[in-house]
Amino acid sequence: MRSEAGAGSWPAQSRRLGARVREMRELGSTMEDAIDEIGEFLRVQTQTRPYASLAGAAAVGYVLGGGIPTPVISLALGLGSRAAVSLLLRELIAPVIQQSSGRRA
């Protein structure tokens, strides 16, 4: 059951959610800038060092084409996704838990 004090915390949760949305938008903008910078770097490197660029592309193709065993890739992706979800949940749920435990005391 929800108490009236719990129902009154909706505006605070809404503000936190709004702040998270703004942070995600800023993160998206930063990621776009980073991708543009990486693209420019790769263009310059390809023009100035074509053989090194070719070797790098071959290495990436080897990895993506199955040069690394699938279980190793699955393990790495599984661990990475678990860590990302854990951090996300910690950021989203921790304030709610702290707020509710502070109300009981």
PDB file of N, CA and C in Angstrom:
ATOM      1  N   MET A   1       0.836  -1.178   0.000  1.00  0.00           N
ATOM      2  CA  MET A   1       0.000   0.000   0.000  1.00  0.00           C
ATOM      3  C   MET A   1       0.877   1.236   0.000  1.00  0.00           C
ATOM      4  N   ARG A   2       0.348   2.255  -0.620  1.00  0.00           N
ATOM      5  CA  ARG A   2       1.090   3.494  -0.716  1.00  0.00           C
ATOM      6  C   ARG A   2       0.597   4.496   0.306  1.00  0.00           C
ATOM      7  N   SER A   3       1.521   5.119   1.002  1.00  0.00           N
ATOM      8  CA  SER A   3       1.134   6.150   1.949  1.00  0.00           C
ATOM      9  C   SER A   3       1.063   7.486   1.233  1.00  0.00           C
ATOM     10  N   GLU A   4       0.467   8.472   1.874  1.00  0.00           N
ATOM     11  CA  GLU A   4       0.366   9.794   1.262  1.00  0.00           C
ATOM     12  C   GLU A   4       1.741  10.417   1.109  1.00  0.00           C
ATOM     13  N   ALA A   5       2.653  10.131   2.026  1.00  0.00           N
ATOM     14  CA  ALA A   5       4.012  10.671   1.917  1.00  0.00           C
ATOM     15  C   ALA A   5       4.699  10.116   0.684  1.00  0.00           C
ATOM     16  N   GLY A   6       4.441   8.827   0.392  1.00  0.00           N
ATOM     17  CA  GLY A   6       5.029   8.223  -0.805  1.00  0.00           C
ATOM     18  C   GLY A   6       4.470   8.827  -2.070  1.00  0.00           C
ATOM     19  N   ALA A   7       3.159   9.135  -2.060  1.00  0.00           N
ATOM     20  CA  ALA A   7       2.534   9.723  -3.244  1.00  0.00           C
ATOM     21  C   ALA A   7       3.048  11.136  -3.477  1.00  0.00           C
ATOM     22  N   GLY A   8       3.422  11.840  -2.397  1.00  0.00           N
ATOM     23  CA  GLY A   8       3.919  13.208  -2.526  1.00  0.00           C
ATOM     24  C   GLY A   8       5.311  13.282  -3.107  1.00  0.00           C
ATOM     25  N   SER A   9       5.986  12.159  -3.204  1.00  0.00           N
ATOM     26  CA  SER A   9       7.352  12.185  -3.721  1.00  0.00           C
ATOM     27  C   SER A   9       7.398  12.113  -5.234  1.00  0.00           C
ATOM     28  N   TRP A  10       6.228  12.015  -5.874  1.00  0.00           N
ATOM     29  CA  TRP A  10       6.192  11.923  -7.332  1.00  0.00           C
ATOM     30  C   TRP A  10       6.869  13.114  -8.007  1.00  0.00           C
ATOM     31  N   PRO A  11       6.643  14.376  -7.599  1.00  0.00           N
ATOM     32  CA  PRO A  11       7.324  15.491  -8.268  1.00  0.00           C
ATOM     33  C   PRO A  11       8.842  15.392  -8.175  1.00  0.00           C
ATOM     34  N   ALA A  12       9.341  14.931  -7.050  1.00  0.00           N
ATOM     35  CA  ALA A  12      10.797  14.788  -6.905  1.00  0.00           C
ATOM     36  C   ALA A  12      11.317  13.715  -7.852  1.00  0.00           C
ATOM     37  N   GLN A  13      10.593  12.601  -7.946  1.00  0.00           N
ATOM     38  CA  GLN A  13      11.011  11.540  -8.860  1.00  0.00           C
ATOM     39  C   GLN A  13      10.916  12.015 -10.304  1.00  0.00           C
ATOM     40  N   SER A  14       9.896  12.799 -10.598  1.00  0.00           N
ATOM     41  CA  SER A  14       9.726  13.342 -11.951  1.00  0.00           C
ATOM     42  C   SER A  14      10.880  14.284 -12.304  1.00  0.00           C
ATOM     43  N   ARG A  15      11.295  15.100 -11.353  1.00  0.00           N
ATOM     44  CA  ARG A  15      12.437  16.004 -11.590  1.00  0.00           C
ATOM     45  C   ARG A  15      13.702  15.212 -11.827  1.00  0.00           C
ATOM     46  N   ARG A  16      13.917  14.160 -11.041  1.00  0.00           N
ATOM     47  CA  ARG A  16      15.114  13.322 -11.229  1.00  0.00           C
ATOM     48  C   ARG A  16      15.088  12.650 -12.583  1.00  0.00           C
ATOM     49  N   LEU A  17      13.908  12.172 -12.984  1.00  0.00           N
ATOM     50  CA  LEU A  17      13.786  11.542 -14.296  1.00  0.00           C
ATOM     51  C   LEU A  17      14.058  12.559 -15.399  1.00  0.00           C
ATOM     52  N   GLY A  18      13.547  13.772 -15.245  1.00  0.00           N
ATOM     53  CA  GLY A  18      13.811  14.828 -16.221  1.00  0.00           C
ATOM     54  C   GLY A  18      15.298  15.134 -16.305  1.00  0.00           C
ATOM     55  N   ALA A  19      15.970  15.152 -15.158  1.00  0.00           N
ATOM     56  CA  ALA A  19      17.420  15.391 -15.153  1.00  0.00           C
ATOM     57  C   ALA A  19      18.145  14.254 -15.865  1.00  0.00           C
ATOM     58  N   ARG A  20      17.712  13.032 -15.656  1.00  0.00           N
ATOM     59  CA  ARG A  20      18.331  11.881 -16.331  1.00  0.00           C
ATOM     60  C   ARG A  20      18.130  11.965 -17.837  1.00  0.00           C
ATOM     61  N   VAL A  21      16.939  12.390 -18.257  1.00  0.00           N
ATOM     62  CA  VAL A  21      16.665  12.526 -19.691  1.00  0.00           C
ATOM     63  C   VAL A  21      17.595  13.581 -20.286  1.00  0.00           C
ATOM     64  N   ARG A  22      17.748  14.715 -19.586  1.00  0.00           N
ATOM     65  CA  ARG A  22      18.674  15.752 -20.077  1.00  0.00           C
ATOM     66  C   ARG A  22      20.097  15.227 -20.148  1.00  0.00           C
ATOM     67  N   GLU A  23      20.517  14.453 -19.148  1.00  0.00           N
ATOM     68  CA  GLU A  23      21.862  13.874 -19.165  1.00  0.00           C
ATOM     69  C   GLU A  23      22.034  12.928 -20.350  1.00  0.00           C
ATOM     70  N   MET A  24      21.007  12.131 -20.634  1.00  0.00           N
ATOM     71  CA  MET A  24      21.086  11.204 -21.765  1.00  0.00           C
ATOM     72  C   MET A  24      21.170  11.958 -23.091  1.00  0.00           C
ATOM     73  N   ARG A  25      20.427  13.053 -23.198  1.00  0.00           N
ATOM     74  CA  ARG A  25      20.506  13.863 -24.421  1.00  0.00           C
ATOM     75  C   ARG A  25      21.896  14.464 -24.581  1.00  0.00           C
ATOM     76  N   GLU A  26      22.464  14.962 -23.472  1.00  0.00           N
ATOM     77  CA  GLU A  26      23.815  15.503 -23.531  1.00  0.00           C
ATOM     78  C   GLU A  26      24.815  14.411 -23.906  1.00  0.00           C
ATOM     79  N   LEU A  27      24.609  13.226 -23.347  1.00  0.00           N
ATOM     80  CA  LEU A  27      25.475  12.101 -23.678  1.00  0.00           C
ATOM     81  C   LEU A  27      25.371  11.763 -25.159  1.00  0.00           C
ATOM     82  N   GLY A  28      24.156  11.770 -25.699  1.00  0.00           N
ATOM     83  CA  GLY A  28      23.966  11.506 -27.122  1.00  0.00           C
ATOM     84  C   GLY A  28      24.678  12.531 -27.977  1.00  0.00           C
ATOM     85  N   SER A  29      24.594  13.783 -27.587  1.00  0.00           N
ATOM     86  CA  SER A  29      25.279  14.846 -28.330  1.00  0.00           C
ATOM     87  C   SER A  29      26.789  14.670 -28.253  1.00  0.00           C
ATOM     88  N   THR A  30      27.282  14.323 -27.090  1.00  0.00           N
ATOM     89  CA  THR A  30      28.717  14.086 -26.925  1.00  0.00           C
ATOM     90  C   THR A  30      29.167  12.894 -27.755  1.00  0.00           C
ATOM     91  N   MET A  31      28.334  11.847 -27.788  1.00  0.00           N
ATOM     92  CA  MET A  31      28.678  10.671 -28.594  1.00  0.00           C
ATOM     93  C   MET A  31      28.729  11.027 -30.078  1.00  0.00           C
ATOM     94  N   GLU A  32      27.790  11.846 -30.535  1.00  0.00           N
ATOM     95  CA  GLU A  32      27.806  12.262 -31.940  1.00  0.00           C
ATOM     96  C   GLU A  32      29.080  13.028 -32.258  1.00  0.00           C
ATOM     97  N   ASP A  33      29.478  13.925 -31.352  1.00  0.00           N
ATOM     98  CA  ASP A  33      30.721  14.680 -31.558  1.00  0.00           C
ATOM     99  C   ASP A  33      31.922  13.746 -31.600  1.00  0.00           C
ATOM    100  N   ALA A  34      31.940  12.760 -30.690  1.00  0.00           N
ATOM    101  CA  ALA A  34      33.055  11.810 -30.651  1.00  0.00           C
ATOM    102  C   ALA A  34      33.107  10.983 -31.934  1.00  0.00           C
ATOM    103  N   ILE A  35      31.967  10.570 -32.437  1.00  0.00           N
ATOM    104  CA  ILE A  35      31.929   9.787 -33.680  1.00  0.00           C
ATOM    105  C   ILE A  35      32.430  10.621 -34.849  1.00  0.00           C
ATOM    106  N   ASP A  36      32.035  11.899 -34.884  1.00  0.00           N
ATOM    107  CA  ASP A  36      32.534  12.783 -35.937  1.00  0.00           C
ATOM    108  C   ASP A  36      34.054  12.925 -35.868  1.00  0.00           C
ATOM    109  N   GLU A  37      34.592  13.082 -34.645  1.00  0.00           N
ATOM    110  CA  GLU A  37      36.041  13.204 -34.477  1.00  0.00           C
ATOM    111  C   GLU A  37      36.756  11.925 -34.897  1.00  0.00           C
ATOM    112  N   ILE A  38      36.189  10.786 -34.538  1.00  0.00           N
ATOM    113  CA  ILE A  38      36.799   9.507 -34.933  1.00  0.00           C
ATOM    114  C   ILE A  38      36.788   9.361 -36.448  1.00  0.00           C
ATOM    115  N   GLY A  39      35.675   9.737 -37.076  1.00  0.00           N
ATOM    116  CA  GLY A  39      35.594   9.676 -38.531  1.00  0.00           C
ATOM    117  C   GLY A  39      36.636  10.551 -39.198  1.00  0.00           C
ATOM    118  N   GLU A  40      36.804  11.754 -38.682  1.00  0.00           N
ATOM    119  CA  GLU A  40      37.812  12.655 -39.239  1.00  0.00           C
ATOM    120  C   GLU A  40      39.217  12.091 -39.037  1.00  0.00           C
ATOM    121  N   PHE A  41      39.470  11.544 -37.841  1.00  0.00           N
ATOM    122  CA  PHE A  41      40.775  10.937 -37.567  1.00  0.00           C
ATOM    123  C   PHE A  41      41.055   9.795 -38.542  1.00  0.00           C
ATOM    124  N   LEU A  42      40.047   8.944 -38.751  1.00  0.00           N
ATOM    125  CA  LEU A  42      40.231   7.814 -39.667  1.00  0.00           C
ATOM    126  C   LEU A  42      40.464   8.279 -41.102  1.00  0.00           C
ATOM    127  N   ARG A  43      39.773   9.344 -41.520  1.00  0.00           N
ATOM    128  CA  ARG A  43      40.010   9.886 -42.865  1.00  0.00           C
ATOM    129  C   ARG A  43      41.441  10.371 -43.020  1.00  0.00           C
ATOM    130  N   VAL A  44      41.914  11.112 -42.032  1.00  0.00           N
ATOM    131  CA  VAL A  44      43.284  11.636 -42.093  1.00  0.00           C
ATOM    132  C   VAL A  44      44.288  10.489 -42.086  1.00  0.00           C
ATOM    133  N   GLN A  45      44.087   9.505 -41.205  1.00  0.00           N
ATOM    134  CA  GLN A  45      45.017   8.374 -41.122  1.00  0.00           C
ATOM    135  C   GLN A  45      45.027   7.574 -42.419  1.00  0.00           C
ATOM    136  N   THR A  46      43.863   7.402 -43.036  1.00  0.00           N
ATOM    137  CA  THR A  46      43.788   6.649 -44.283  1.00  0.00           C
ATOM    138  C   THR A  46      44.549   7.367 -45.396  1.00  0.00           C
ATOM    139  N   GLN A  47      44.475   8.677 -45.398  1.00  0.00           N
ATOM    140  CA  GLN A  47      45.175   9.450 -46.431  1.00  0.00           C
ATOM    141  C   GLN A  47      46.681   9.508 -46.179  1.00  0.00           C
ATOM    142  N   THR A  48      47.081   9.624 -44.907  1.00  0.00           N
ATOM    143  CA  THR A  48      48.508   9.779 -44.614  1.00  0.00           C
ATOM    144  C   THR A  48      49.230   8.436 -44.446  1.00  0.00           C
ATOM    145  N   ARG A  49      48.524   7.410 -43.989  1.00  0.00           N
ATOM    146  CA  ARG A  49      49.131   6.091 -43.746  1.00  0.00           C
ATOM    147  C   ARG A  49      48.246   5.000 -44.328  1.00  0.00           C
ATOM    148  N   PRO A  50      48.224   4.856 -45.619  1.00  0.00           N
ATOM    149  CA  PRO A  50      47.296   3.888 -46.216  1.00  0.00           C
ATOM    150  C   PRO A  50      47.608   2.439 -45.848  1.00  0.00           C
ATOM    151  N   TYR A  51      48.882   2.069 -45.737  1.00  0.00           N
ATOM    152  CA  TYR A  51      49.212   0.675 -45.412  1.00  0.00           C
ATOM    153  C   TYR A  51      48.848   0.314 -43.970  1.00  0.00           C
ATOM    154  N   ALA A  52      49.095   1.236 -43.056  1.00  0.00           N
ATOM    155  CA  ALA A  52      48.714   0.997 -41.659  1.00  0.00           C
ATOM    156  C   ALA A  52      47.190   0.903 -41.541  1.00  0.00           C
ATOM    157  N   SER A  53      46.493   1.731 -42.294  1.00  0.00           N
ATOM    158  CA  SER A  53      45.025   1.685 -42.272  1.00  0.00           C
ATOM    159  C   SER A  53      44.522   0.355 -42.819  1.00  0.00           C
ATOM    160  N   LEU A  54      45.151  -0.113 -43.870  1.00  0.00           N
ATOM    161  CA  LEU A  54      44.774  -1.400 -44.450  1.00  0.00           C
ATOM    162  C   LEU A  54      45.018  -2.537 -43.459  1.00  0.00           C
ATOM    163  N   ALA A  55      46.148  -2.498 -42.764  1.00  0.00           N
ATOM    164  CA  ALA A  55      46.451  -3.532 -41.764  1.00  0.00           C
ATOM    165  C   ALA A  55      45.432  -3.493 -40.617  1.00  0.00           C
ATOM    166  N   GLY A  56      45.068  -2.294 -40.168  1.00  0.00           N
ATOM    167  CA  GLY A  56      44.068  -2.161 -39.111  1.00  0.00           C
ATOM    168  C   GLY A  56      42.714  -2.695 -39.542  1.00  0.00           C
ATOM    169  N   ALA A  57      42.330  -2.376 -40.772  1.00  0.00           N
ATOM    170  CA  ALA A  57      41.056  -2.879 -41.295  1.00  0.00           C
ATOM    171  C   ALA A  57      41.069  -4.399 -41.400  1.00  0.00           C
ATOM    172  N   ALA A  58      42.219  -4.962 -41.799  1.00  0.00           N
ATOM    173  CA  ALA A  58      42.323  -6.418 -41.890  1.00  0.00           C
ATOM    174  C   ALA A  58      42.195  -7.060 -40.507  1.00  0.00           C
ATOM    175  N   ALA A  59      42.794  -6.433 -39.496  1.00  0.00           N
ATOM    176  CA  ALA A  59      42.698  -6.967 -38.127  1.00  0.00           C
ATOM    177  C   ALA A  59      41.250  -6.935 -37.627  1.00  0.00           C
ATOM    178  N   VAL A  60      40.577  -5.816 -37.871  1.00  0.00           N
ATOM    179  CA  VAL A  60      39.173  -5.712 -37.448  1.00  0.00           C
ATOM    180  C   VAL A  60      38.327  -6.746 -38.194  1.00  0.00           C
ATOM    181  N   GLY A  61      38.584  -6.906 -39.479  1.00  0.00           N
ATOM    182  CA  GLY A  61      37.853  -7.903 -40.264  1.00  0.00           C
ATOM    183  C   GLY A  61      38.092  -9.311 -39.767  1.00  0.00           C
ATOM    184  N   TYR A  62      39.311  -9.599 -39.342  1.00  0.00           N
ATOM    185  CA  TYR A  62      39.637 -10.920 -38.804  1.00  0.00           C
ATOM    186  C   TYR A  62      38.817 -11.199 -37.544  1.00  0.00           C
ATOM    187  N   VAL A  63      38.792 -10.208 -36.668  1.00  0.00           N
ATOM    188  CA  VAL A  63      38.049 -10.380 -35.414  1.00  0.00           C
ATOM    189  C   VAL A  63      36.561 -10.539 -35.701  1.00  0.00           C
ATOM    190  N   LEU A  64      36.014  -9.658 -36.536  1.00  0.00           N
ATOM    191  CA  LEU A  64      34.581  -9.719 -36.825  1.00  0.00           C
ATOM    192  C   LEU A  64      34.212 -10.931 -37.670  1.00  0.00           C
ATOM    193  N   GLY A  65      35.146 -11.407 -38.453  1.00  0.00           N
ATOM    194  CA  GLY A  65      34.872 -12.543 -39.325  1.00  0.00           C
ATOM    195  C   GLY A  65      34.988 -13.889 -38.646  1.00  0.00           C
ATOM    196  N   GLY A  66      35.292 -13.902 -37.387  1.00  0.00           N
ATOM    197  CA  GLY A  66      35.327 -15.172 -36.663  1.00  0.00           C
ATOM    198  C   GLY A  66      36.713 -15.615 -36.252  1.00  0.00           C
ATOM    199  N   GLY A  67      37.686 -14.732 -36.338  1.00  0.00           N
ATOM    200  CA  GLY A  67      39.042 -15.083 -35.922  1.00  0.00           C
ATOM    201  C   GLY A  67      39.138 -15.374 -34.437  1.00  0.00           C
ATOM    202  N   ILE A  68      38.301 -14.730 -33.663  1.00  0.00           N
ATOM    203  CA  ILE A  68      38.241 -14.988 -32.224  1.00  0.00           C
ATOM    204  C   ILE A  68      37.081 -15.950 -32.006  1.00  0.00           C
ATOM    205  N   PRO A  69      37.277 -16.986 -31.215  1.00  0.00           N
ATOM    206  CA  PRO A  69      36.198 -17.962 -30.992  1.00  0.00           C
ATOM    207  C   PRO A  69      34.926 -17.301 -30.449  1.00  0.00           C
ATOM    208  N   THR A  70      33.802 -17.760 -30.917  1.00  0.00           N
ATOM    209  CA  THR A  70      32.507 -17.193 -30.536  1.00  0.00           C
ATOM    210  C   THR A  70      32.269 -17.216 -29.024  1.00  0.00           C
ATOM    211  N   PRO A  71      32.654 -18.278 -28.301  1.00  0.00           N
ATOM    212  CA  PRO A  71      32.420 -18.239 -26.849  1.00  0.00           C
ATOM    213  C   PRO A  71      33.156 -17.102 -26.150  1.00  0.00           C
ATOM    214  N   VAL A  72      34.338 -16.754 -26.634  1.00  0.00           N
ATOM    215  CA  VAL A  72      35.079 -15.653 -26.025  1.00  0.00           C
ATOM    216  C   VAL A  72      34.344 -14.339 -26.260  1.00  0.00           C
ATOM    217  N   ILE A  73      33.853 -14.130 -27.472  1.00  0.00           N
ATOM    218  CA  ILE A  73      33.104 -12.916 -27.780  1.00  0.00           C
ATOM    219  C   ILE A  73      31.817 -12.877 -26.969  1.00  0.00           C
ATOM    220  N   SER A  74      31.123 -14.004 -26.873  1.00  0.00           N
ATOM    221  CA  SER A  74      29.887 -14.066 -26.085  1.00  0.00           C
ATOM    222  C   SER A  74      30.144 -13.738 -24.625  1.00  0.00           C
ATOM    223  N   LEU A  75      31.223 -14.255 -24.086  1.00  0.00           N
ATOM    224  CA  LEU A  75      31.575 -13.980 -22.691  1.00  0.00           C
ATOM    225  C   LEU A  75      31.848 -12.497 -22.496  1.00  0.00           C
ATOM    226  N   ALA A  76      32.635 -11.911 -23.395  1.00  0.00           N
ATOM    227  CA  ALA A  76      32.967 -10.489 -23.273  1.00  0.00           C
ATOM    228  C   ALA A  76      31.716  -9.621 -23.381  1.00  0.00           C
ATOM    229  N   LEU A  77      30.850  -9.904 -24.345  1.00  0.00           N
ATOM    230  CA  LEU A  77      29.626  -9.124 -24.492  1.00  0.00           C
ATOM    231  C   LEU A  77      28.688  -9.331 -23.313  1.00  0.00           C
ATOM    232  N   GLY A  78      28.608 -10.553 -22.820  1.00  0.00           N
ATOM    233  CA  GLY A  78      27.747 -10.830 -21.664  1.00  0.00           C
ATOM    234  C   GLY A  78      28.206 -10.090 -20.425  1.00  0.00           C
ATOM    235  N   LEU A  79      29.498 -10.100 -20.160  1.00  0.00           N
ATOM    236  CA  LEU A  79      30.024  -9.393 -18.992  1.00  0.00           C
ATOM    237  C   LEU A  79      29.845  -7.891 -19.136  1.00  0.00           C
ATOM    238  N   GLY A  80      30.097  -7.388 -20.334  1.00  0.00           N
ATOM    239  CA  GLY A  80      29.945  -5.952 -20.563  1.00  0.00           C
ATOM    240  C   GLY A  80      28.510  -5.492 -20.404  1.00  0.00           C
ATOM    241  N   SER A  81      27.574  -6.266 -20.934  1.00  0.00           N
ATOM    242  CA  SER A  81      26.165  -5.875 -20.810  1.00  0.00           C
ATOM    243  C   SER A  81      25.688  -5.985 -19.368  1.00  0.00           C
ATOM    244  N   ARG A  82      26.143  -6.983 -18.654  1.00  0.00           N
ATOM    245  CA  ARG A  82      25.762  -7.095 -17.230  1.00  0.00           C
ATOM    246  C   ARG A  82      26.288  -5.918 -16.433  1.00  0.00           C
ATOM    247  N   ALA A  83      27.519  -5.516 -16.703  1.00  0.00           N
ATOM    248  CA  ALA A  83      28.092  -4.374 -15.995  1.00  0.00           C
ATOM    249  C   ALA A  83      27.326  -3.097 -16.318  1.00  0.00           C
ATOM    250  N   ALA A  84      26.958  -2.918 -17.584  1.00  0.00           N
ATOM    251  CA  ALA A  84      26.216  -1.717 -17.980  1.00  0.00           C
ATOM    252  C   ALA A  84      24.841  -1.678 -17.322  1.00  0.00           C
ATOM    253  N   VAL A  85      24.144  -2.800 -17.298  1.00  0.00           N
ATOM    254  CA  VAL A  85      22.822  -2.852 -16.668  1.00  0.00           C
ATOM    255  C   VAL A  85      22.947  -2.619 -15.169  1.00  0.00           C
ATOM    256  N   SER A  86      23.956  -3.180 -14.555  1.00  0.00           N
ATOM    257  CA  SER A  86      24.172  -2.986 -13.123  1.00  0.00           C
ATOM    258  C   SER A  86      24.384  -1.511 -12.795  1.00  0.00           C
ATOM    259  N   LEU A  87      25.211  -0.834 -13.579  1.00  0.00           N
ATOM    260  CA  LEU A  87      25.446   0.590 -13.342  1.00  0.00           C
ATOM    261  C   LEU A  87      24.174   1.404 -13.557  1.00  0.00           C
ATOM    262  N   LEU A  88      23.428   1.087 -14.593  1.00  0.00           N
ATOM    263  CA  LEU A  88      22.193   1.801 -14.872  1.00  0.00           C
ATOM    264  C   LEU A  88      21.196   1.628 -13.729  1.00  0.00           C
ATOM    265  N   LEU A  89      21.017   0.403 -13.275  1.00  0.00           N
ATOM    266  CA  LEU A  89      20.082   0.153 -12.174  1.00  0.00           C
ATOM    267  C   LEU A  89      20.537   0.846 -10.895  1.00  0.00           C
ATOM    268  N   ARG A  90      21.827   0.810 -10.646  1.00  0.00           N
ATOM    269  CA  ARG A  90      22.348   1.463  -9.450  1.00  0.00           C
ATOM    270  C   ARG A  90      22.045   2.959  -9.492  1.00  0.00           C
ATOM    271  N   GLU A  91      22.191   3.583 -10.660  1.00  0.00           N
ATOM    272  CA  GLU A  91      21.919   5.014 -10.800  1.00  0.00           C
ATOM    273  C   GLU A  91      20.435   5.330 -10.661  1.00  0.00           C
ATOM    274  N   LEU A  92      19.590   4.473 -11.181  1.00  0.00           N
ATOM    275  CA  LEU A  92      18.153   4.758 -11.176  1.00  0.00           C
ATOM    276  C   LEU A  92      17.463   4.356  -9.884  1.00  0.00           C
ATOM    277  N   ILE A  93      17.880   3.257  -9.295  1.00  0.00           N
ATOM    278  CA  ILE A  93      17.159   2.719  -8.138  1.00  0.00           C
ATOM    279  C   ILE A  93      17.724   3.205  -6.811  1.00  0.00           C
ATOM    280  N   ALA A  94      19.002   3.477  -6.733  1.00  0.00           N
ATOM    281  CA  ALA A  94      19.620   3.871  -5.463  1.00  0.00           C
ATOM    282  C   ALA A  94      18.946   5.088  -4.837  1.00  0.00           C
ATOM    283  N   PRO A  95      18.650   6.157  -5.588  1.00  0.00           N
ATOM    284  CA  PRO A  95      17.985   7.300  -4.947  1.00  0.00           C
ATOM    285  C   PRO A  95      16.615   6.947  -4.375  1.00  0.00           C
ATOM    286  N   VAL A  96      15.879   6.074  -5.049  1.00  0.00           N
ATOM    287  CA  VAL A  96      14.557   5.676  -4.557  1.00  0.00           C
ATOM    288  C   VAL A  96      14.690   4.883  -3.263  1.00  0.00           C
ATOM    289  N   ILE A  97      15.667   3.982  -3.213  1.00  0.00           N
ATOM    290  CA  ILE A  97      15.878   3.169  -2.010  1.00  0.00           C
ATOM    291  C   ILE A  97      16.321   4.048  -0.853  1.00  0.00           C
ATOM    292  N   GLN A  98      17.232   4.991  -1.128  1.00  0.00           N
ATOM    293  CA  GLN A  98      17.703   5.880  -0.069  1.00  0.00           C
ATOM    294  C   GLN A  98      16.557   6.747   0.447  1.00  0.00           C
ATOM    295  N   GLN A  99      15.725   7.218  -0.464  1.00  0.00           N
ATOM    296  CA  GLN A  99      14.604   8.056  -0.061  1.00  0.00           C
ATOM    297  C   GLN A  99      13.606   7.264   0.798  1.00  0.00           C
ATOM    298  N   SER A 100      13.297   6.046   0.384  1.00  0.00           N
ATOM    299  CA  SER A 100      12.331   5.250   1.149  1.00  0.00           C
ATOM    300  C   SER A 100      12.892   4.822   2.503  1.00  0.00           C
ATOM    301  N   SER A 101      14.185   4.506   2.568  1.00  0.00           N
ATOM    302  CA  SER A 101      14.767   4.110   3.854  1.00  0.00           C
ATOM    303  C   SER A 101      14.897   5.318   4.771  1.00  0.00           C
ATOM    304  N   GLY A 102      15.085   6.486   4.224  1.00  0.00           N
ATOM    305  CA  GLY A 102      15.163   7.700   5.046  1.00  0.00           C
ATOM    306  C   GLY A 102      13.818   8.076   5.623  1.00  0.00           C
ATOM    307  N   ARG A 103      12.743   7.747   4.920  1.00  0.00           N
ATOM    308  CA  ARG A 103      11.398   8.060   5.382  1.00  0.00           C
ATOM    309  C   ARG A 103      10.999   7.185   6.559  1.00  0.00           C
ATOM    310  N   ARG A 104      11.480   5.934   6.591  1.00  0.00           N
ATOM    311  CA  ARG A 104      11.112   4.994   7.661  1.00  0.00           C
ATOM    312  C   ARG A 104      11.788   5.350   8.975  1.00  0.00           C
ATOM    313  N   ALA A 105      12.958   5.936   8.919  1.00  0.00           N
ATOM    314  CA  ALA A 105      13.724   6.207  10.143  1.00  0.00           C
ATOM    315  C   ALA A 105      13.132   7.332  10.949  1.00  0.00           C
TER     316      ALA A 105
END
